[in-house]
Amino acid sequence: MPEPTTYQKQGWLERVDPECRDFVATVEELLERRRSERARGIAIERWQHNQWGPRSWHRTELEDMIYSSYKQMRQGRITRPPRREIVMEIADYLDCTLAERNRLLLAAHAAPISPYMTGERLAELLPVVISVAQQLNIPAMVINRDWRVHYQNAYMLESFAITPEQLAAIQPEQRNVLHLLFDPALPLQPNLIGFHDSWERMARQTIYAFKVANLLCERELWYTELVDRLMQLPTFEQHWRTVQIDAGFDNDPSALLQSPAVTVDVALSRPQPGANHVRLRPLVISVGYFQFDFPLVLAFLPTDEQTPLSSRNL
């Protein structure tokens, strides 16, 4: 059993309507946890989005900023927990991890957020998704929610001019789409950076997609550790800080002067007459039937029949 919070020890929960007690107890516990973390010098990462500014983590601040009815709830004048939208805003204010957010939702009698695939569940599903990528005769790779690459077919290596030896030299923690796009010491980025506008749009849109897909994971340990590592790569921090997700990516500076149809230009390892690069269009394939969740297949189609896509000759 978890240790009772200060709120529970003082017996204040007796005032709260029985339907709201779990919710109030959870909110009070999380407020106390955030205050304790602040006292121990634990703060959100400098790169994390903070729309709230400095917070004291006291209930009066919560009432002023998010949920003015919380005081009445604590006094027993409200007989039902808040709506889901308000619970999500409270979770945002409290910098909740996904597990903490789900505790709040359950305490408010709302459905929790489905956990993403990890551990044994991910291990069971990956072979299914990989088998789909193996059947494609176009460049394809399998990625998970953290943008880690779990598989890439031979067409992927050939089209992006990566040799098996280069692939074998990439460390496990570097086999991440974002890391590969920004690390000049790895084989992918040098094959893209020569076509800077194309690379910049792909890099920024990949950051955008990562942020949107993991909107509720920003406080998860794997997320913070990954972004901390990526921040060490050249220009990553600059792009990370300037990619905004409160509007569609079409408004991003890298997309304004380019075609709405996203393409990526890749230098050919063996240039052909009249062509020194291949132009590909990203394609996301979900294995589930209308279940657009990870892991996913990220494939690449030729933009036209004249594109010298090496996979056609494999």
C-alpha atoms as a PDB file:
ATOM      1  CA  MET A   1       0.000   0.000   0.000  1.00  0.00           C
ATOM      2  CA  PRO A   2       1.334   3.495  -0.794  1.00  0.00           C
ATOM      3  CA  GLU A   3       2.134   5.837   2.053  1.00  0.00           C
ATOM      4  CA  PRO A   4      -0.811   8.117   2.873  1.00  0.00           C
ATOM      5  CA  THR A   5      -0.400  11.684   1.740  1.00  0.00           C
ATOM      6  CA  THR A   6      -0.404  14.638   4.117  1.00  0.00           C
ATOM      7  CA  TYR A   7      -3.935  15.286   2.964  1.00  0.00           C
ATOM      8  CA  GLN A   8      -5.039  11.798   4.020  1.00  0.00           C
ATOM      9  CA  LYS A   9      -3.146  11.923   7.310  1.00  0.00           C
ATOM     10  CA  GLN A  10      -4.979  15.082   8.291  1.00  0.00           C
ATOM     11  CA  GLY A  11      -8.328  13.430   7.606  1.00  0.00           C
ATOM     12  CA  TRP A  12      -9.552  16.182   5.322  1.00  0.00           C
ATOM     13  CA  LEU A  13     -10.908  13.659   2.868  1.00  0.00           C
ATOM     14  CA  GLU A  14     -13.892  13.092   5.135  1.00  0.00           C
ATOM     15  CA  ARG A  15     -15.279  16.437   3.971  1.00  0.00           C
ATOM     16  CA  VAL A  16     -15.090  15.436   0.317  1.00  0.00           C
ATOM     17  CA  ASP A  17     -18.024  13.726  -1.362  1.00  0.00           C
ATOM     18  CA  PRO A  18     -17.335   9.967  -1.680  1.00  0.00           C
ATOM     19  CA  GLU A  19     -17.511  10.202  -5.487  1.00  0.00           C
ATOM     20  CA  CYS A  20     -14.654  12.713  -5.490  1.00  0.00           C
ATOM     21  CA  ARG A  21     -12.387  11.411  -2.749  1.00  0.00           C
ATOM     22  CA  ASP A  22     -10.093   9.344  -4.963  1.00  0.00           C
ATOM     23  CA  PHE A  23      -9.672  12.276  -7.314  1.00  0.00           C
ATOM     24  CA  VAL A  24      -8.900  14.812  -4.564  1.00  0.00           C
ATOM     25  CA  ALA A  25      -6.500  12.398  -2.862  1.00  0.00           C
ATOM     26  CA  THR A  26      -4.648  11.824  -6.144  1.00  0.00           C
ATOM     27  CA  VAL A  27      -4.398  15.534  -6.921  1.00  0.00           C
ATOM     28  CA  GLU A  28      -3.106  16.276  -3.421  1.00  0.00           C
ATOM     29  CA  GLU A  29      -0.552  13.473  -3.657  1.00  0.00           C
ATOM     30  CA  LEU A  30       0.750  14.785  -6.996  1.00  0.00           C
ATOM     31  CA  LEU A  31       0.919  18.359  -5.713  1.00  0.00           C
ATOM     32  CA  GLU A  32       2.948  17.130  -2.771  1.00  0.00           C
ATOM     33  CA  ARG A  33       5.194  15.084  -5.072  1.00  0.00           C
ATOM     34  CA  ARG A  34       5.933  18.088  -7.298  1.00  0.00           C
ATOM     35  CA  ARG A  35       6.741  20.249  -4.266  1.00  0.00           C
ATOM     36  CA  SER A  36       9.070  17.547  -2.987  1.00  0.00           C
ATOM     37  CA  GLU A  37      10.807  17.287  -6.354  1.00  0.00           C
ATOM     38  CA  ARG A  38      11.280  21.042  -6.467  1.00  0.00           C
ATOM     39  CA  ALA A  39      12.760  21.005  -2.970  1.00  0.00           C
ATOM     40  CA  ARG A  40      15.221  18.326  -4.098  1.00  0.00           C
ATOM     41  CA  GLY A  41      16.212  20.389  -7.119  1.00  0.00           C
ATOM     42  CA  ILE A  42      14.423  18.240  -9.677  1.00  0.00           C
ATOM     43  CA  ALA A  43      13.116  20.393 -12.532  1.00  0.00           C
ATOM     44  CA  ILE A  44      11.804  19.792 -16.016  1.00  0.00           C
ATOM     45  CA  GLU A  45      14.441  19.635 -18.714  1.00  0.00           C
ATOM     46  CA  ARG A  46      15.426  22.981 -20.189  1.00  0.00           C
ATOM     47  CA  TRP A  47      14.223  21.880 -23.635  1.00  0.00           C
ATOM     48  CA  GLN A  48      10.760  20.839 -22.463  1.00  0.00           C
ATOM     49  CA  HIS A  49       7.807  23.015 -23.322  1.00  0.00           C
ATOM     50  CA  ASN A  50       6.593  24.899 -20.257  1.00  0.00           C
ATOM     51  CA  GLN A  51       3.477  26.953 -20.870  1.00  0.00           C
ATOM     52  CA  TRP A  52       2.855  27.525 -17.173  1.00  0.00           C
ATOM     53  CA  GLY A  53       5.987  29.294 -16.013  1.00  0.00           C
ATOM     54  CA  PRO A  54       7.222  28.902 -12.413  1.00  0.00           C
ATOM     55  CA  ARG A  55       4.739  27.060 -10.204  1.00  0.00           C
ATOM     56  CA  SER A  56       4.398  26.699  -6.440  1.00  0.00           C
ATOM     57  CA  TRP A  57       2.423  23.438  -6.664  1.00  0.00           C
ATOM     58  CA  HIS A  58      -0.139  24.557  -4.079  1.00  0.00           C
ATOM     59  CA  ARG A  59      -3.852  23.932  -4.371  1.00  0.00           C
ATOM     60  CA  THR A  60      -4.667  27.638  -4.430  1.00  0.00           C
ATOM     61  CA  GLU A  61      -2.480  28.015  -7.516  1.00  0.00           C
ATOM     62  CA  LEU A  62      -4.249  25.055  -9.118  1.00  0.00           C
ATOM     63  CA  GLU A  63      -7.590  26.682  -8.366  1.00  0.00           C
ATOM     64  CA  ASP A  64      -6.491  30.029  -9.800  1.00  0.00           C
ATOM     65  CA  MET A  65      -4.861  28.647 -12.933  1.00  0.00           C
ATOM     66  CA  ILE A  66      -6.883  25.563 -13.893  1.00  0.00           C
ATOM     67  CA  TYR A  67      -9.834  24.450 -11.822  1.00  0.00           C
ATOM     68  CA  SER A  68     -11.577  27.108  -9.767  1.00  0.00           C
ATOM     69  CA  SER A  69     -14.119  24.589  -8.445  1.00  0.00           C
ATOM     70  CA  TYR A  70     -11.448  22.510  -6.725  1.00  0.00           C
ATOM     71  CA  LYS A  71     -11.917  24.381  -3.437  1.00  0.00           C
ATOM     72  CA  GLN A  72     -15.636  23.621  -3.453  1.00  0.00           C
ATOM     73  CA  MET A  73     -14.854  19.997  -4.248  1.00  0.00           C
ATOM     74  CA  ARG A  74     -12.526  19.789  -1.243  1.00  0.00           C
ATOM     75  CA  GLN A  75     -15.314  21.232   0.919  1.00  0.00           C
ATOM     76  CA  GLY A  76     -17.798  18.607  -0.258  1.00  0.00           C
ATOM     77  CA  ARG A  77     -19.973  20.959  -2.295  1.00  0.00           C
ATOM     78  CA  ILE A  78     -19.304  19.165  -5.580  1.00  0.00           C
ATOM     79  CA  THR A  79     -20.524  15.608  -5.957  1.00  0.00           C
ATOM     80  CA  ARG A  80     -18.828  14.476  -9.147  1.00  0.00           C
ATOM     81  CA  PRO A  81     -15.271  14.668 -10.517  1.00  0.00           C
ATOM     82  CA  PRO A  82     -14.465  17.131 -13.336  1.00  0.00           C
ATOM     83  CA  ARG A  83     -14.873  16.384 -17.025  1.00  0.00           C
ATOM     84  CA  ARG A  84     -12.117  14.577 -18.888  1.00  0.00           C
ATOM     85  CA  GLU A  85     -10.914  17.776 -20.587  1.00  0.00           C
ATOM     86  CA  ILE A  86     -10.367  19.455 -17.220  1.00  0.00           C
ATOM     87  CA  VAL A  87      -8.610  16.377 -15.841  1.00  0.00           C
ATOM     88  CA  MET A  88      -6.216  16.477 -18.803  1.00  0.00           C
ATOM     89  CA  GLU A  89      -5.505  20.169 -18.164  1.00  0.00           C
ATOM     90  CA  ILE A  90      -4.832  19.437 -14.499  1.00  0.00           C
ATOM     91  CA  ALA A  91      -2.456  16.664 -15.587  1.00  0.00           C
ATOM     92  CA  ASP A  92      -0.654  19.108 -17.878  1.00  0.00           C
ATOM     93  CA  TYR A  93      -0.310  21.609 -15.036  1.00  0.00           C
ATOM     94  CA  LEU A  94       1.048  18.854 -12.779  1.00  0.00           C
ATOM     95  CA  ASP A  95       3.648  17.750 -15.371  1.00  0.00           C
ATOM     96  CA  CYS A  96       2.243  14.236 -15.138  1.00  0.00           C
ATOM     97  CA  THR A  97       3.887  11.163 -16.531  1.00  0.00           C
ATOM     98  CA  LEU A  98       1.558   8.876 -18.478  1.00  0.00           C
ATOM     99  CA  ALA A  99       1.076   6.668 -15.408  1.00  0.00           C
ATOM    100  CA  GLU A 100       0.213   9.694 -13.237  1.00  0.00           C
ATOM    101  CA  ARG A 101      -2.166  11.011 -15.883  1.00  0.00           C
ATOM    102  CA  ASN A 102      -3.970   7.676 -15.982  1.00  0.00           C
ATOM    103  CA  ARG A 103      -4.254   7.676 -12.186  1.00  0.00           C
ATOM    104  CA  LEU A 104      -6.013  11.037 -12.391  1.00  0.00           C
ATOM    105  CA  LEU A 105      -8.319   9.834 -15.162  1.00  0.00           C
ATOM    106  CA  LEU A 106      -9.268   6.665 -13.311  1.00  0.00           C
ATOM    107  CA  ALA A 107      -9.842   8.623 -10.096  1.00  0.00           C
ATOM    108  CA  ALA A 108     -12.191  10.879 -12.065  1.00  0.00           C
ATOM    109  CA  HIS A 109     -14.059   7.810 -13.388  1.00  0.00           C
ATOM    110  CA  ALA A 110     -12.739   8.420 -16.903  1.00  0.00           C
ATOM    111  CA  ALA A 111     -11.161   5.944 -19.294  1.00  0.00           C
ATOM    112  CA  PRO A 112      -7.355   5.833 -19.085  1.00  0.00           C
ATOM    113  CA  ILE A 113      -5.058   6.408 -22.036  1.00  0.00           C
ATOM    114  CA  SER A 114      -4.042   3.145 -23.644  1.00  0.00           C
ATOM    115  CA  PRO A 115      -0.405   2.379 -22.810  1.00  0.00           C
ATOM    116  CA  TYR A 116       1.972   2.170 -25.741  1.00  0.00           C
ATOM    117  CA  MET A 117       3.690  -1.057 -26.751  1.00  0.00           C
ATOM    118  CA  THR A 118       6.662  -2.020 -24.599  1.00  0.00           C
ATOM    119  CA  GLY A 119       8.363  -5.160 -23.366  1.00  0.00           C
ATOM    120  CA  GLU A 120       6.725  -8.482 -24.237  1.00  0.00           C
ATOM    121  CA  ARG A 121       3.815  -6.871 -26.098  1.00  0.00           C
ATOM    122  CA  LEU A 122       6.201  -5.012 -28.365  1.00  0.00           C
ATOM    123  CA  ALA A 123       8.339  -8.133 -28.847  1.00  0.00           C
ATOM    124  CA  GLU A 124       5.256 -10.090 -29.928  1.00  0.00           C
ATOM    125  CA  LEU A 125       4.100  -7.481 -32.430  1.00  0.00           C
ATOM    126  CA  LEU A 126       7.442  -6.552 -33.996  1.00  0.00           C
ATOM    127  CA  PRO A 127       7.810  -9.790 -36.037  1.00  0.00           C
ATOM    128  CA  VAL A 128       4.377  -9.163 -37.560  1.00  0.00           C
ATOM    129  CA  VAL A 129       5.278  -5.618 -38.592  1.00  0.00           C
ATOM    130  CA  ILE A 130       8.727  -6.673 -39.817  1.00  0.00           C
ATOM    131  CA  SER A 131       7.156  -9.375 -41.989  1.00  0.00           C
ATOM    132  CA  VAL A 132       5.132  -6.663 -43.755  1.00  0.00           C
ATOM    133  CA  ALA A 133       8.283  -4.626 -44.449  1.00  0.00           C
ATOM    134  CA  GLN A 134      10.043  -7.740 -45.739  1.00  0.00           C
ATOM    135  CA  GLN A 135       7.357  -8.243 -48.389  1.00  0.00           C
ATOM    136  CA  LEU A 136       7.743  -4.745 -49.846  1.00  0.00           C
ATOM    137  CA  ASN A 137       9.912  -4.209 -52.927  1.00  0.00           C
ATOM    138  CA  ILE A 138      10.520  -0.565 -52.005  1.00  0.00           C
ATOM    139  CA  PRO A 139      12.749   0.925 -49.283  1.00  0.00           C
ATOM    140  CA  ALA A 140      11.154   0.276 -45.880  1.00  0.00           C
ATOM    141  CA  MET A 141      12.000   0.235 -42.205  1.00  0.00           C
ATOM    142  CA  VAL A 142      10.133  -0.494 -38.979  1.00  0.00           C
ATOM    143  CA  ILE A 143      10.084   2.166 -36.265  1.00  0.00           C
ATOM    144  CA  ASN A 144       8.560   2.351 -32.814  1.00  0.00           C
ATOM    145  CA  ARG A 145       7.161   5.294 -30.843  1.00  0.00           C
ATOM    146  CA  ASP A 146      10.658   6.406 -29.842  1.00  0.00           C
ATOM    147  CA  TRP A 147      11.680   6.492 -33.557  1.00  0.00           C
ATOM    148  CA  ARG A 148      14.073   3.595 -32.978  1.00  0.00           C
ATOM    149  CA  VAL A 149      14.711   1.594 -36.154  1.00  0.00           C
ATOM    150  CA  HIS A 150      13.997  -2.096 -35.513  1.00  0.00           C
ATOM    151  CA  TYR A 151      14.414  -3.308 -39.087  1.00  0.00           C
ATOM    152  CA  GLN A 152      15.412  -2.044 -42.535  1.00  0.00           C
ATOM    153  CA  ASN A 153      15.181  -4.025 -45.768  1.00  0.00           C
ATOM    154  CA  ALA A 154      17.850  -4.306 -48.444  1.00  0.00           C
ATOM    155  CA  TYR A 155      16.096  -1.715 -50.624  1.00  0.00           C
ATOM    156  CA  MET A 156      16.385   0.784 -47.782  1.00  0.00           C
ATOM    157  CA  LEU A 157      20.139   0.333 -47.518  1.00  0.00           C
ATOM    158  CA  GLU A 158      20.644   0.435 -51.280  1.00  0.00           C
ATOM    159  CA  SER A 159      18.496   3.507 -51.911  1.00  0.00           C
ATOM    160  CA  PHE A 160      20.003   5.482 -49.036  1.00  0.00           C
ATOM    161  CA  ALA A 161      23.548   4.416 -49.979  1.00  0.00           C
ATOM    162  CA  ILE A 162      24.305   2.618 -46.710  1.00  0.00           C
ATOM    163  CA  THR A 163      26.569  -0.423 -46.861  1.00  0.00           C
ATOM    164  CA  PRO A 164      26.096  -3.459 -44.571  1.00  0.00           C
ATOM    165  CA  GLU A 165      29.443  -2.615 -42.991  1.00  0.00           C
ATOM    166  CA  GLN A 166      28.311   0.931 -42.204  1.00  0.00           C
ATOM    167  CA  LEU A 167      25.054  -0.405 -40.760  1.00  0.00           C
ATOM    168  CA  ALA A 168      26.904  -2.875 -38.527  1.00  0.00           C
ATOM    169  CA  ALA A 169      29.065  -0.040 -37.146  1.00  0.00           C
ATOM    170  CA  ILE A 170      26.049   1.988 -35.936  1.00  0.00           C
ATOM    171  CA  GLN A 171      25.620   1.615 -32.173  1.00  0.00           C
ATOM    172  CA  PRO A 172      22.199   0.447 -30.871  1.00  0.00           C
ATOM    173  CA  GLU A 173      21.419   3.812 -29.233  1.00  0.00           C
ATOM    174  CA  GLN A 174      22.175   5.548 -32.557  1.00  0.00           C
ATOM    175  CA  ARG A 175      19.675   3.491 -34.565  1.00  0.00           C
ATOM    176  CA  ASN A 176      17.048   6.152 -34.256  1.00  0.00           C
ATOM    177  CA  VAL A 177      15.585   8.125 -37.163  1.00  0.00           C
ATOM    178  CA  LEU A 178      16.267  11.475 -35.496  1.00  0.00           C
ATOM    179  CA  HIS A 179      19.823  10.514 -34.578  1.00  0.00           C
ATOM    180  CA  LEU A 180      20.518   9.305 -38.105  1.00  0.00           C
ATOM    181  CA  LEU A 181      19.153  12.539 -39.594  1.00  0.00           C
ATOM    182  CA  PHE A 182      21.349  14.812 -37.462  1.00  0.00           C
ATOM    183  CA  ASP A 183      24.590  12.907 -36.852  1.00  0.00           C
ATOM    184  CA  PRO A 184      27.174  13.764 -39.553  1.00  0.00           C
ATOM    185  CA  ALA A 185      29.360  10.875 -38.371  1.00  0.00           C
ATOM    186  CA  LEU A 186      26.736   8.310 -39.427  1.00  0.00           C
ATOM    187  CA  PRO A 187      26.097   7.326 -43.057  1.00  0.00           C
ATOM    188  CA  LEU A 188      22.555   8.674 -43.591  1.00  0.00           C
ATOM    189  CA  GLN A 189      22.933  12.397 -42.885  1.00  0.00           C
ATOM    190  CA  PRO A 190      25.836  12.979 -45.329  1.00  0.00           C
ATOM    191  CA  ASN A 191      23.737  11.439 -48.114  1.00  0.00           C
ATOM    192  CA  LEU A 192      20.910  13.915 -47.430  1.00  0.00           C
ATOM    193  CA  ILE A 193      22.557  17.163 -46.325  1.00  0.00           C
ATOM    194  CA  GLY A 194      23.814  18.013 -49.817  1.00  0.00           C
ATOM    195  CA  PHE A 195      20.179  18.754 -50.707  1.00  0.00           C
ATOM    196  CA  HIS A 196      19.763  21.064 -47.750  1.00  0.00           C
ATOM    197  CA  ASP A 197      16.176  22.252 -48.278  1.00  0.00           C
ATOM    198  CA  SER A 198      14.966  18.677 -48.640  1.00  0.00           C
ATOM    199  CA  TRP A 199      16.951  17.533 -45.592  1.00  0.00           C
ATOM    200  CA  GLU A 200      15.777  20.443 -43.459  1.00  0.00           C
ATOM    201  CA  ARG A 201      12.124  19.816 -44.238  1.00  0.00           C
ATOM    202  CA  MET A 202      12.453  16.092 -43.555  1.00  0.00           C
ATOM    203  CA  ALA A 203      14.372  16.708 -40.324  1.00  0.00           C
ATOM    204  CA  ARG A 204      11.908  19.284 -39.021  1.00  0.00           C
ATOM    205  CA  GLN A 205       8.853  17.298 -40.040  1.00  0.00           C
ATOM    206  CA  THR A 206      10.308  14.226 -38.326  1.00  0.00           C
ATOM    207  CA  ILE A 207      10.711  16.279 -35.131  1.00  0.00           C
ATOM    208  CA  TYR A 208       7.147  17.546 -35.552  1.00  0.00           C
ATOM    209  CA  ALA A 209       5.788  14.016 -35.972  1.00  0.00           C
ATOM    210  CA  PHE A 210       7.785  12.784 -32.978  1.00  0.00           C
ATOM    211  CA  LYS A 211       6.430  15.567 -30.764  1.00  0.00           C
ATOM    212  CA  VAL A 212       2.831  15.042 -31.890  1.00  0.00           C
ATOM    213  CA  ALA A 213       2.952  11.236 -31.559  1.00  0.00           C
ATOM    214  CA  ASN A 214       4.446  11.516 -28.073  1.00  0.00           C
ATOM    215  CA  LEU A 215       2.520  14.515 -26.814  1.00  0.00           C
ATOM    216  CA  LEU A 216       1.625  12.745 -23.558  1.00  0.00           C
ATOM    217  CA  CYS A 217       5.049  11.149 -23.107  1.00  0.00           C
ATOM    218  CA  GLU A 218       7.151  14.261 -22.590  1.00  0.00           C
ATOM    219  CA  ARG A 219       7.705  13.442 -18.910  1.00  0.00           C
ATOM    220  CA  GLU A 220       8.517   9.770 -19.551  1.00  0.00           C
ATOM    221  CA  LEU A 221      12.084   8.758 -18.696  1.00  0.00           C
ATOM    222  CA  TRP A 222      12.813   7.230 -22.112  1.00  0.00           C
ATOM    223  CA  TYR A 223      11.669  10.475 -23.783  1.00  0.00           C
ATOM    224  CA  THR A 224      13.828  12.790 -21.677  1.00  0.00           C
ATOM    225  CA  GLU A 225      16.889  10.556 -21.973  1.00  0.00           C
ATOM    226  CA  LEU A 226      16.495  10.320 -25.752  1.00  0.00           C
ATOM    227  CA  VAL A 227      16.077  14.066 -26.296  1.00  0.00           C
ATOM    228  CA  ASP A 228      18.983  14.797 -23.940  1.00  0.00           C
ATOM    229  CA  ARG A 229      21.226  12.637 -26.175  1.00  0.00           C
ATOM    230  CA  LEU A 230      19.898  14.201 -29.360  1.00  0.00           C
ATOM    231  CA  MET A 231      20.597  17.679 -27.984  1.00  0.00           C
ATOM    232  CA  GLN A 232      24.308  16.906 -28.277  1.00  0.00           C
ATOM    233  CA  LEU A 233      24.068  16.598 -32.094  1.00  0.00           C
ATOM    234  CA  PRO A 234      24.864  19.560 -34.387  1.00  0.00           C
ATOM    235  CA  THR A 235      21.880  21.882 -35.020  1.00  0.00           C
ATOM    236  CA  PHE A 236      19.365  19.534 -33.349  1.00  0.00           C
ATOM    237  CA  GLU A 237      18.594  21.900 -30.467  1.00  0.00           C
ATOM    238  CA  GLN A 238      17.997  24.796 -32.842  1.00  0.00           C
ATOM    239  CA  HIS A 239      15.448  22.812 -34.838  1.00  0.00           C
ATOM    240  CA  TRP A 240      13.861  21.183 -31.791  1.00  0.00           C
ATOM    241  CA  ARG A 241      13.170  24.537 -30.162  1.00  0.00           C
ATOM    242  CA  THR A 242      11.689  26.128 -33.280  1.00  0.00           C
ATOM    243  CA  VAL A 243       9.418  23.294 -34.447  1.00  0.00           C
ATOM    244  CA  GLN A 244       5.953  24.220 -33.156  1.00  0.00           C
ATOM    245  CA  ILE A 245       3.095  21.734 -32.827  1.00  0.00           C
ATOM    246  CA  ASP A 246       0.284  24.186 -32.067  1.00  0.00           C
ATOM    247  CA  ALA A 247      -0.273  24.624 -35.802  1.00  0.00           C
ATOM    248  CA  GLY A 248      -0.056  22.342 -38.811  1.00  0.00           C
ATOM    249  CA  PHE A 249       3.376  21.646 -40.250  1.00  0.00           C
ATOM    250  CA  ASP A 250       2.359  23.419 -43.458  1.00  0.00           C
ATOM    251  CA  ASN A 251       3.093  26.655 -41.576  1.00  0.00           C
ATOM    252  CA  ASP A 252       6.669  25.638 -40.811  1.00  0.00           C
ATOM    253  CA  PRO A 253       9.264  27.801 -42.620  1.00  0.00           C
ATOM    254  CA  SER A 254      10.853  24.710 -44.191  1.00  0.00           C
ATOM    255  CA  ALA A 255       7.531  23.749 -45.808  1.00  0.00           C
ATOM    256  CA  LEU A 256       6.274  27.139 -47.004  1.00  0.00           C
ATOM    257  CA  LEU A 257       8.377  27.312 -50.175  1.00  0.00           C
ATOM    258  CA  GLN A 258       8.115  23.641 -51.125  1.00  0.00           C
ATOM    259  CA  SER A 259       5.472  21.422 -52.666  1.00  0.00           C
ATOM    260  CA  PRO A 260       2.775  20.129 -50.303  1.00  0.00           C
ATOM    261  CA  ALA A 261       3.775  16.619 -51.411  1.00  0.00           C
ATOM    262  CA  VAL A 262       6.663  15.721 -49.115  1.00  0.00           C
ATOM    263  CA  THR A 263       9.747  14.317 -50.824  1.00  0.00           C
ATOM    264  CA  VAL A 264      13.313  13.598 -49.785  1.00  0.00           C
ATOM    265  CA  ASP A 265      16.364  13.846 -52.027  1.00  0.00           C
ATOM    266  CA  VAL A 266      19.093  11.263 -51.474  1.00  0.00           C
ATOM    267  CA  ALA A 267      22.530  11.295 -53.107  1.00  0.00           C
ATOM    268  CA  LEU A 268      23.223   8.227 -55.228  1.00  0.00           C
ATOM    269  CA  SER A 269      26.281   6.207 -54.306  1.00  0.00           C
ATOM    270  CA  ARG A 270      26.727   5.439 -58.011  1.00  0.00           C
ATOM    271  CA  PRO A 271      25.476   8.464 -59.996  1.00  0.00           C
ATOM    272  CA  GLN A 272      23.791   7.643 -63.278  1.00  0.00           C
ATOM    273  CA  PRO A 273      23.874   9.654 -66.505  1.00  0.00           C
ATOM    274  CA  GLY A 274      21.893  12.841 -65.911  1.00  0.00           C
ATOM    275  CA  ALA A 275      21.055  11.969 -62.298  1.00  0.00           C
ATOM    276  CA  ASN A 276      23.033  12.328 -59.096  1.00  0.00           C
ATOM    277  CA  HIS A 277      20.223  11.696 -56.628  1.00  0.00           C
ATOM    278  CA  VAL A 278      16.997   9.815 -56.056  1.00  0.00           C
ATOM    279  CA  ARG A 279      13.784  11.546 -55.009  1.00  0.00           C
ATOM    280  CA  LEU A 280      11.502   9.572 -52.717  1.00  0.00           C
ATOM    281  CA  ARG A 281       8.142  10.149 -51.071  1.00  0.00           C
ATOM    282  CA  PRO A 282       7.612   8.860 -47.490  1.00  0.00           C
ATOM    283  CA  LEU A 283       4.765   6.430 -46.889  1.00  0.00           C
ATOM    284  CA  VAL A 284       3.566   5.319 -43.436  1.00  0.00           C
ATOM    285  CA  ILE A 285       1.974   1.866 -43.213  1.00  0.00           C
ATOM    286  CA  SER A 286      -0.059   0.761 -40.197  1.00  0.00           C
ATOM    287  CA  VAL A 287      -0.307  -2.981 -39.686  1.00  0.00           C
ATOM    288  CA  GLY A 288      -3.552  -2.825 -37.698  1.00  0.00           C
ATOM    289  CA  TYR A 289      -6.857  -2.248 -39.459  1.00  0.00           C
ATOM    290  CA  PHE A 290      -7.453   1.475 -38.896  1.00  0.00           C
ATOM    291  CA  GLN A 291      -5.249   1.216 -35.806  1.00  0.00           C
ATOM    292  CA  PHE A 292      -2.671   3.893 -36.456  1.00  0.00           C
ATOM    293  CA  ASP A 293      -0.321   3.012 -33.661  1.00  0.00           C
ATOM    294  CA  PHE A 294       3.267   1.938 -33.277  1.00  0.00           C
ATOM    295  CA  PRO A 295       5.237   0.078 -34.389  1.00  0.00           C
ATOM    296  CA  LEU A 296       4.816   1.286 -37.965  1.00  0.00           C
ATOM    297  CA  VAL A 297       6.397   0.677 -41.348  1.00  0.00           C
ATOM    298  CA  LEU A 298       8.017   3.768 -42.846  1.00  0.00           C
ATOM    299  CA  ALA A 299       8.485   3.170 -46.568  1.00  0.00           C
ATOM    300  CA  PHE A 300       9.585   5.324 -49.510  1.00  0.00           C
ATOM    301  CA  LEU A 301       8.054   5.486 -52.977  1.00  0.00           C
ATOM    302  CA  PRO A 302       9.681   6.873 -56.133  1.00  0.00           C
ATOM    303  CA  THR A 303       8.164  10.214 -57.055  1.00  0.00           C
ATOM    304  CA  ASP A 304       7.928   9.365 -60.774  1.00  0.00           C
ATOM    305  CA  GLU A 305       8.900   6.765 -63.336  1.00  0.00           C
ATOM    306  CA  GLN A 306      12.087   8.634 -64.213  1.00  0.00           C
ATOM    307  CA  THR A 307      13.440   8.433 -60.670  1.00  0.00           C
ATOM    308  CA  PRO A 308      16.489   6.130 -60.787  1.00  0.00           C
ATOM    309  CA  LEU A 309      15.340   4.070 -57.818  1.00  0.00           C
ATOM    310  CA  SER A 310      17.853   1.299 -57.314  1.00  0.00           C
ATOM    311  CA  SER A 311      15.222  -1.040 -55.907  1.00  0.00           C
ATOM    312  CA  ARG A 312      13.753  -1.475 -59.365  1.00  0.00           C
ATOM    313  CA  ASN A 313      16.853  -3.303 -60.441  1.00  0.00           C
ATOM    314  CA  LEU A 314      17.244  -5.468 -57.348  1.00  0.00           C
END
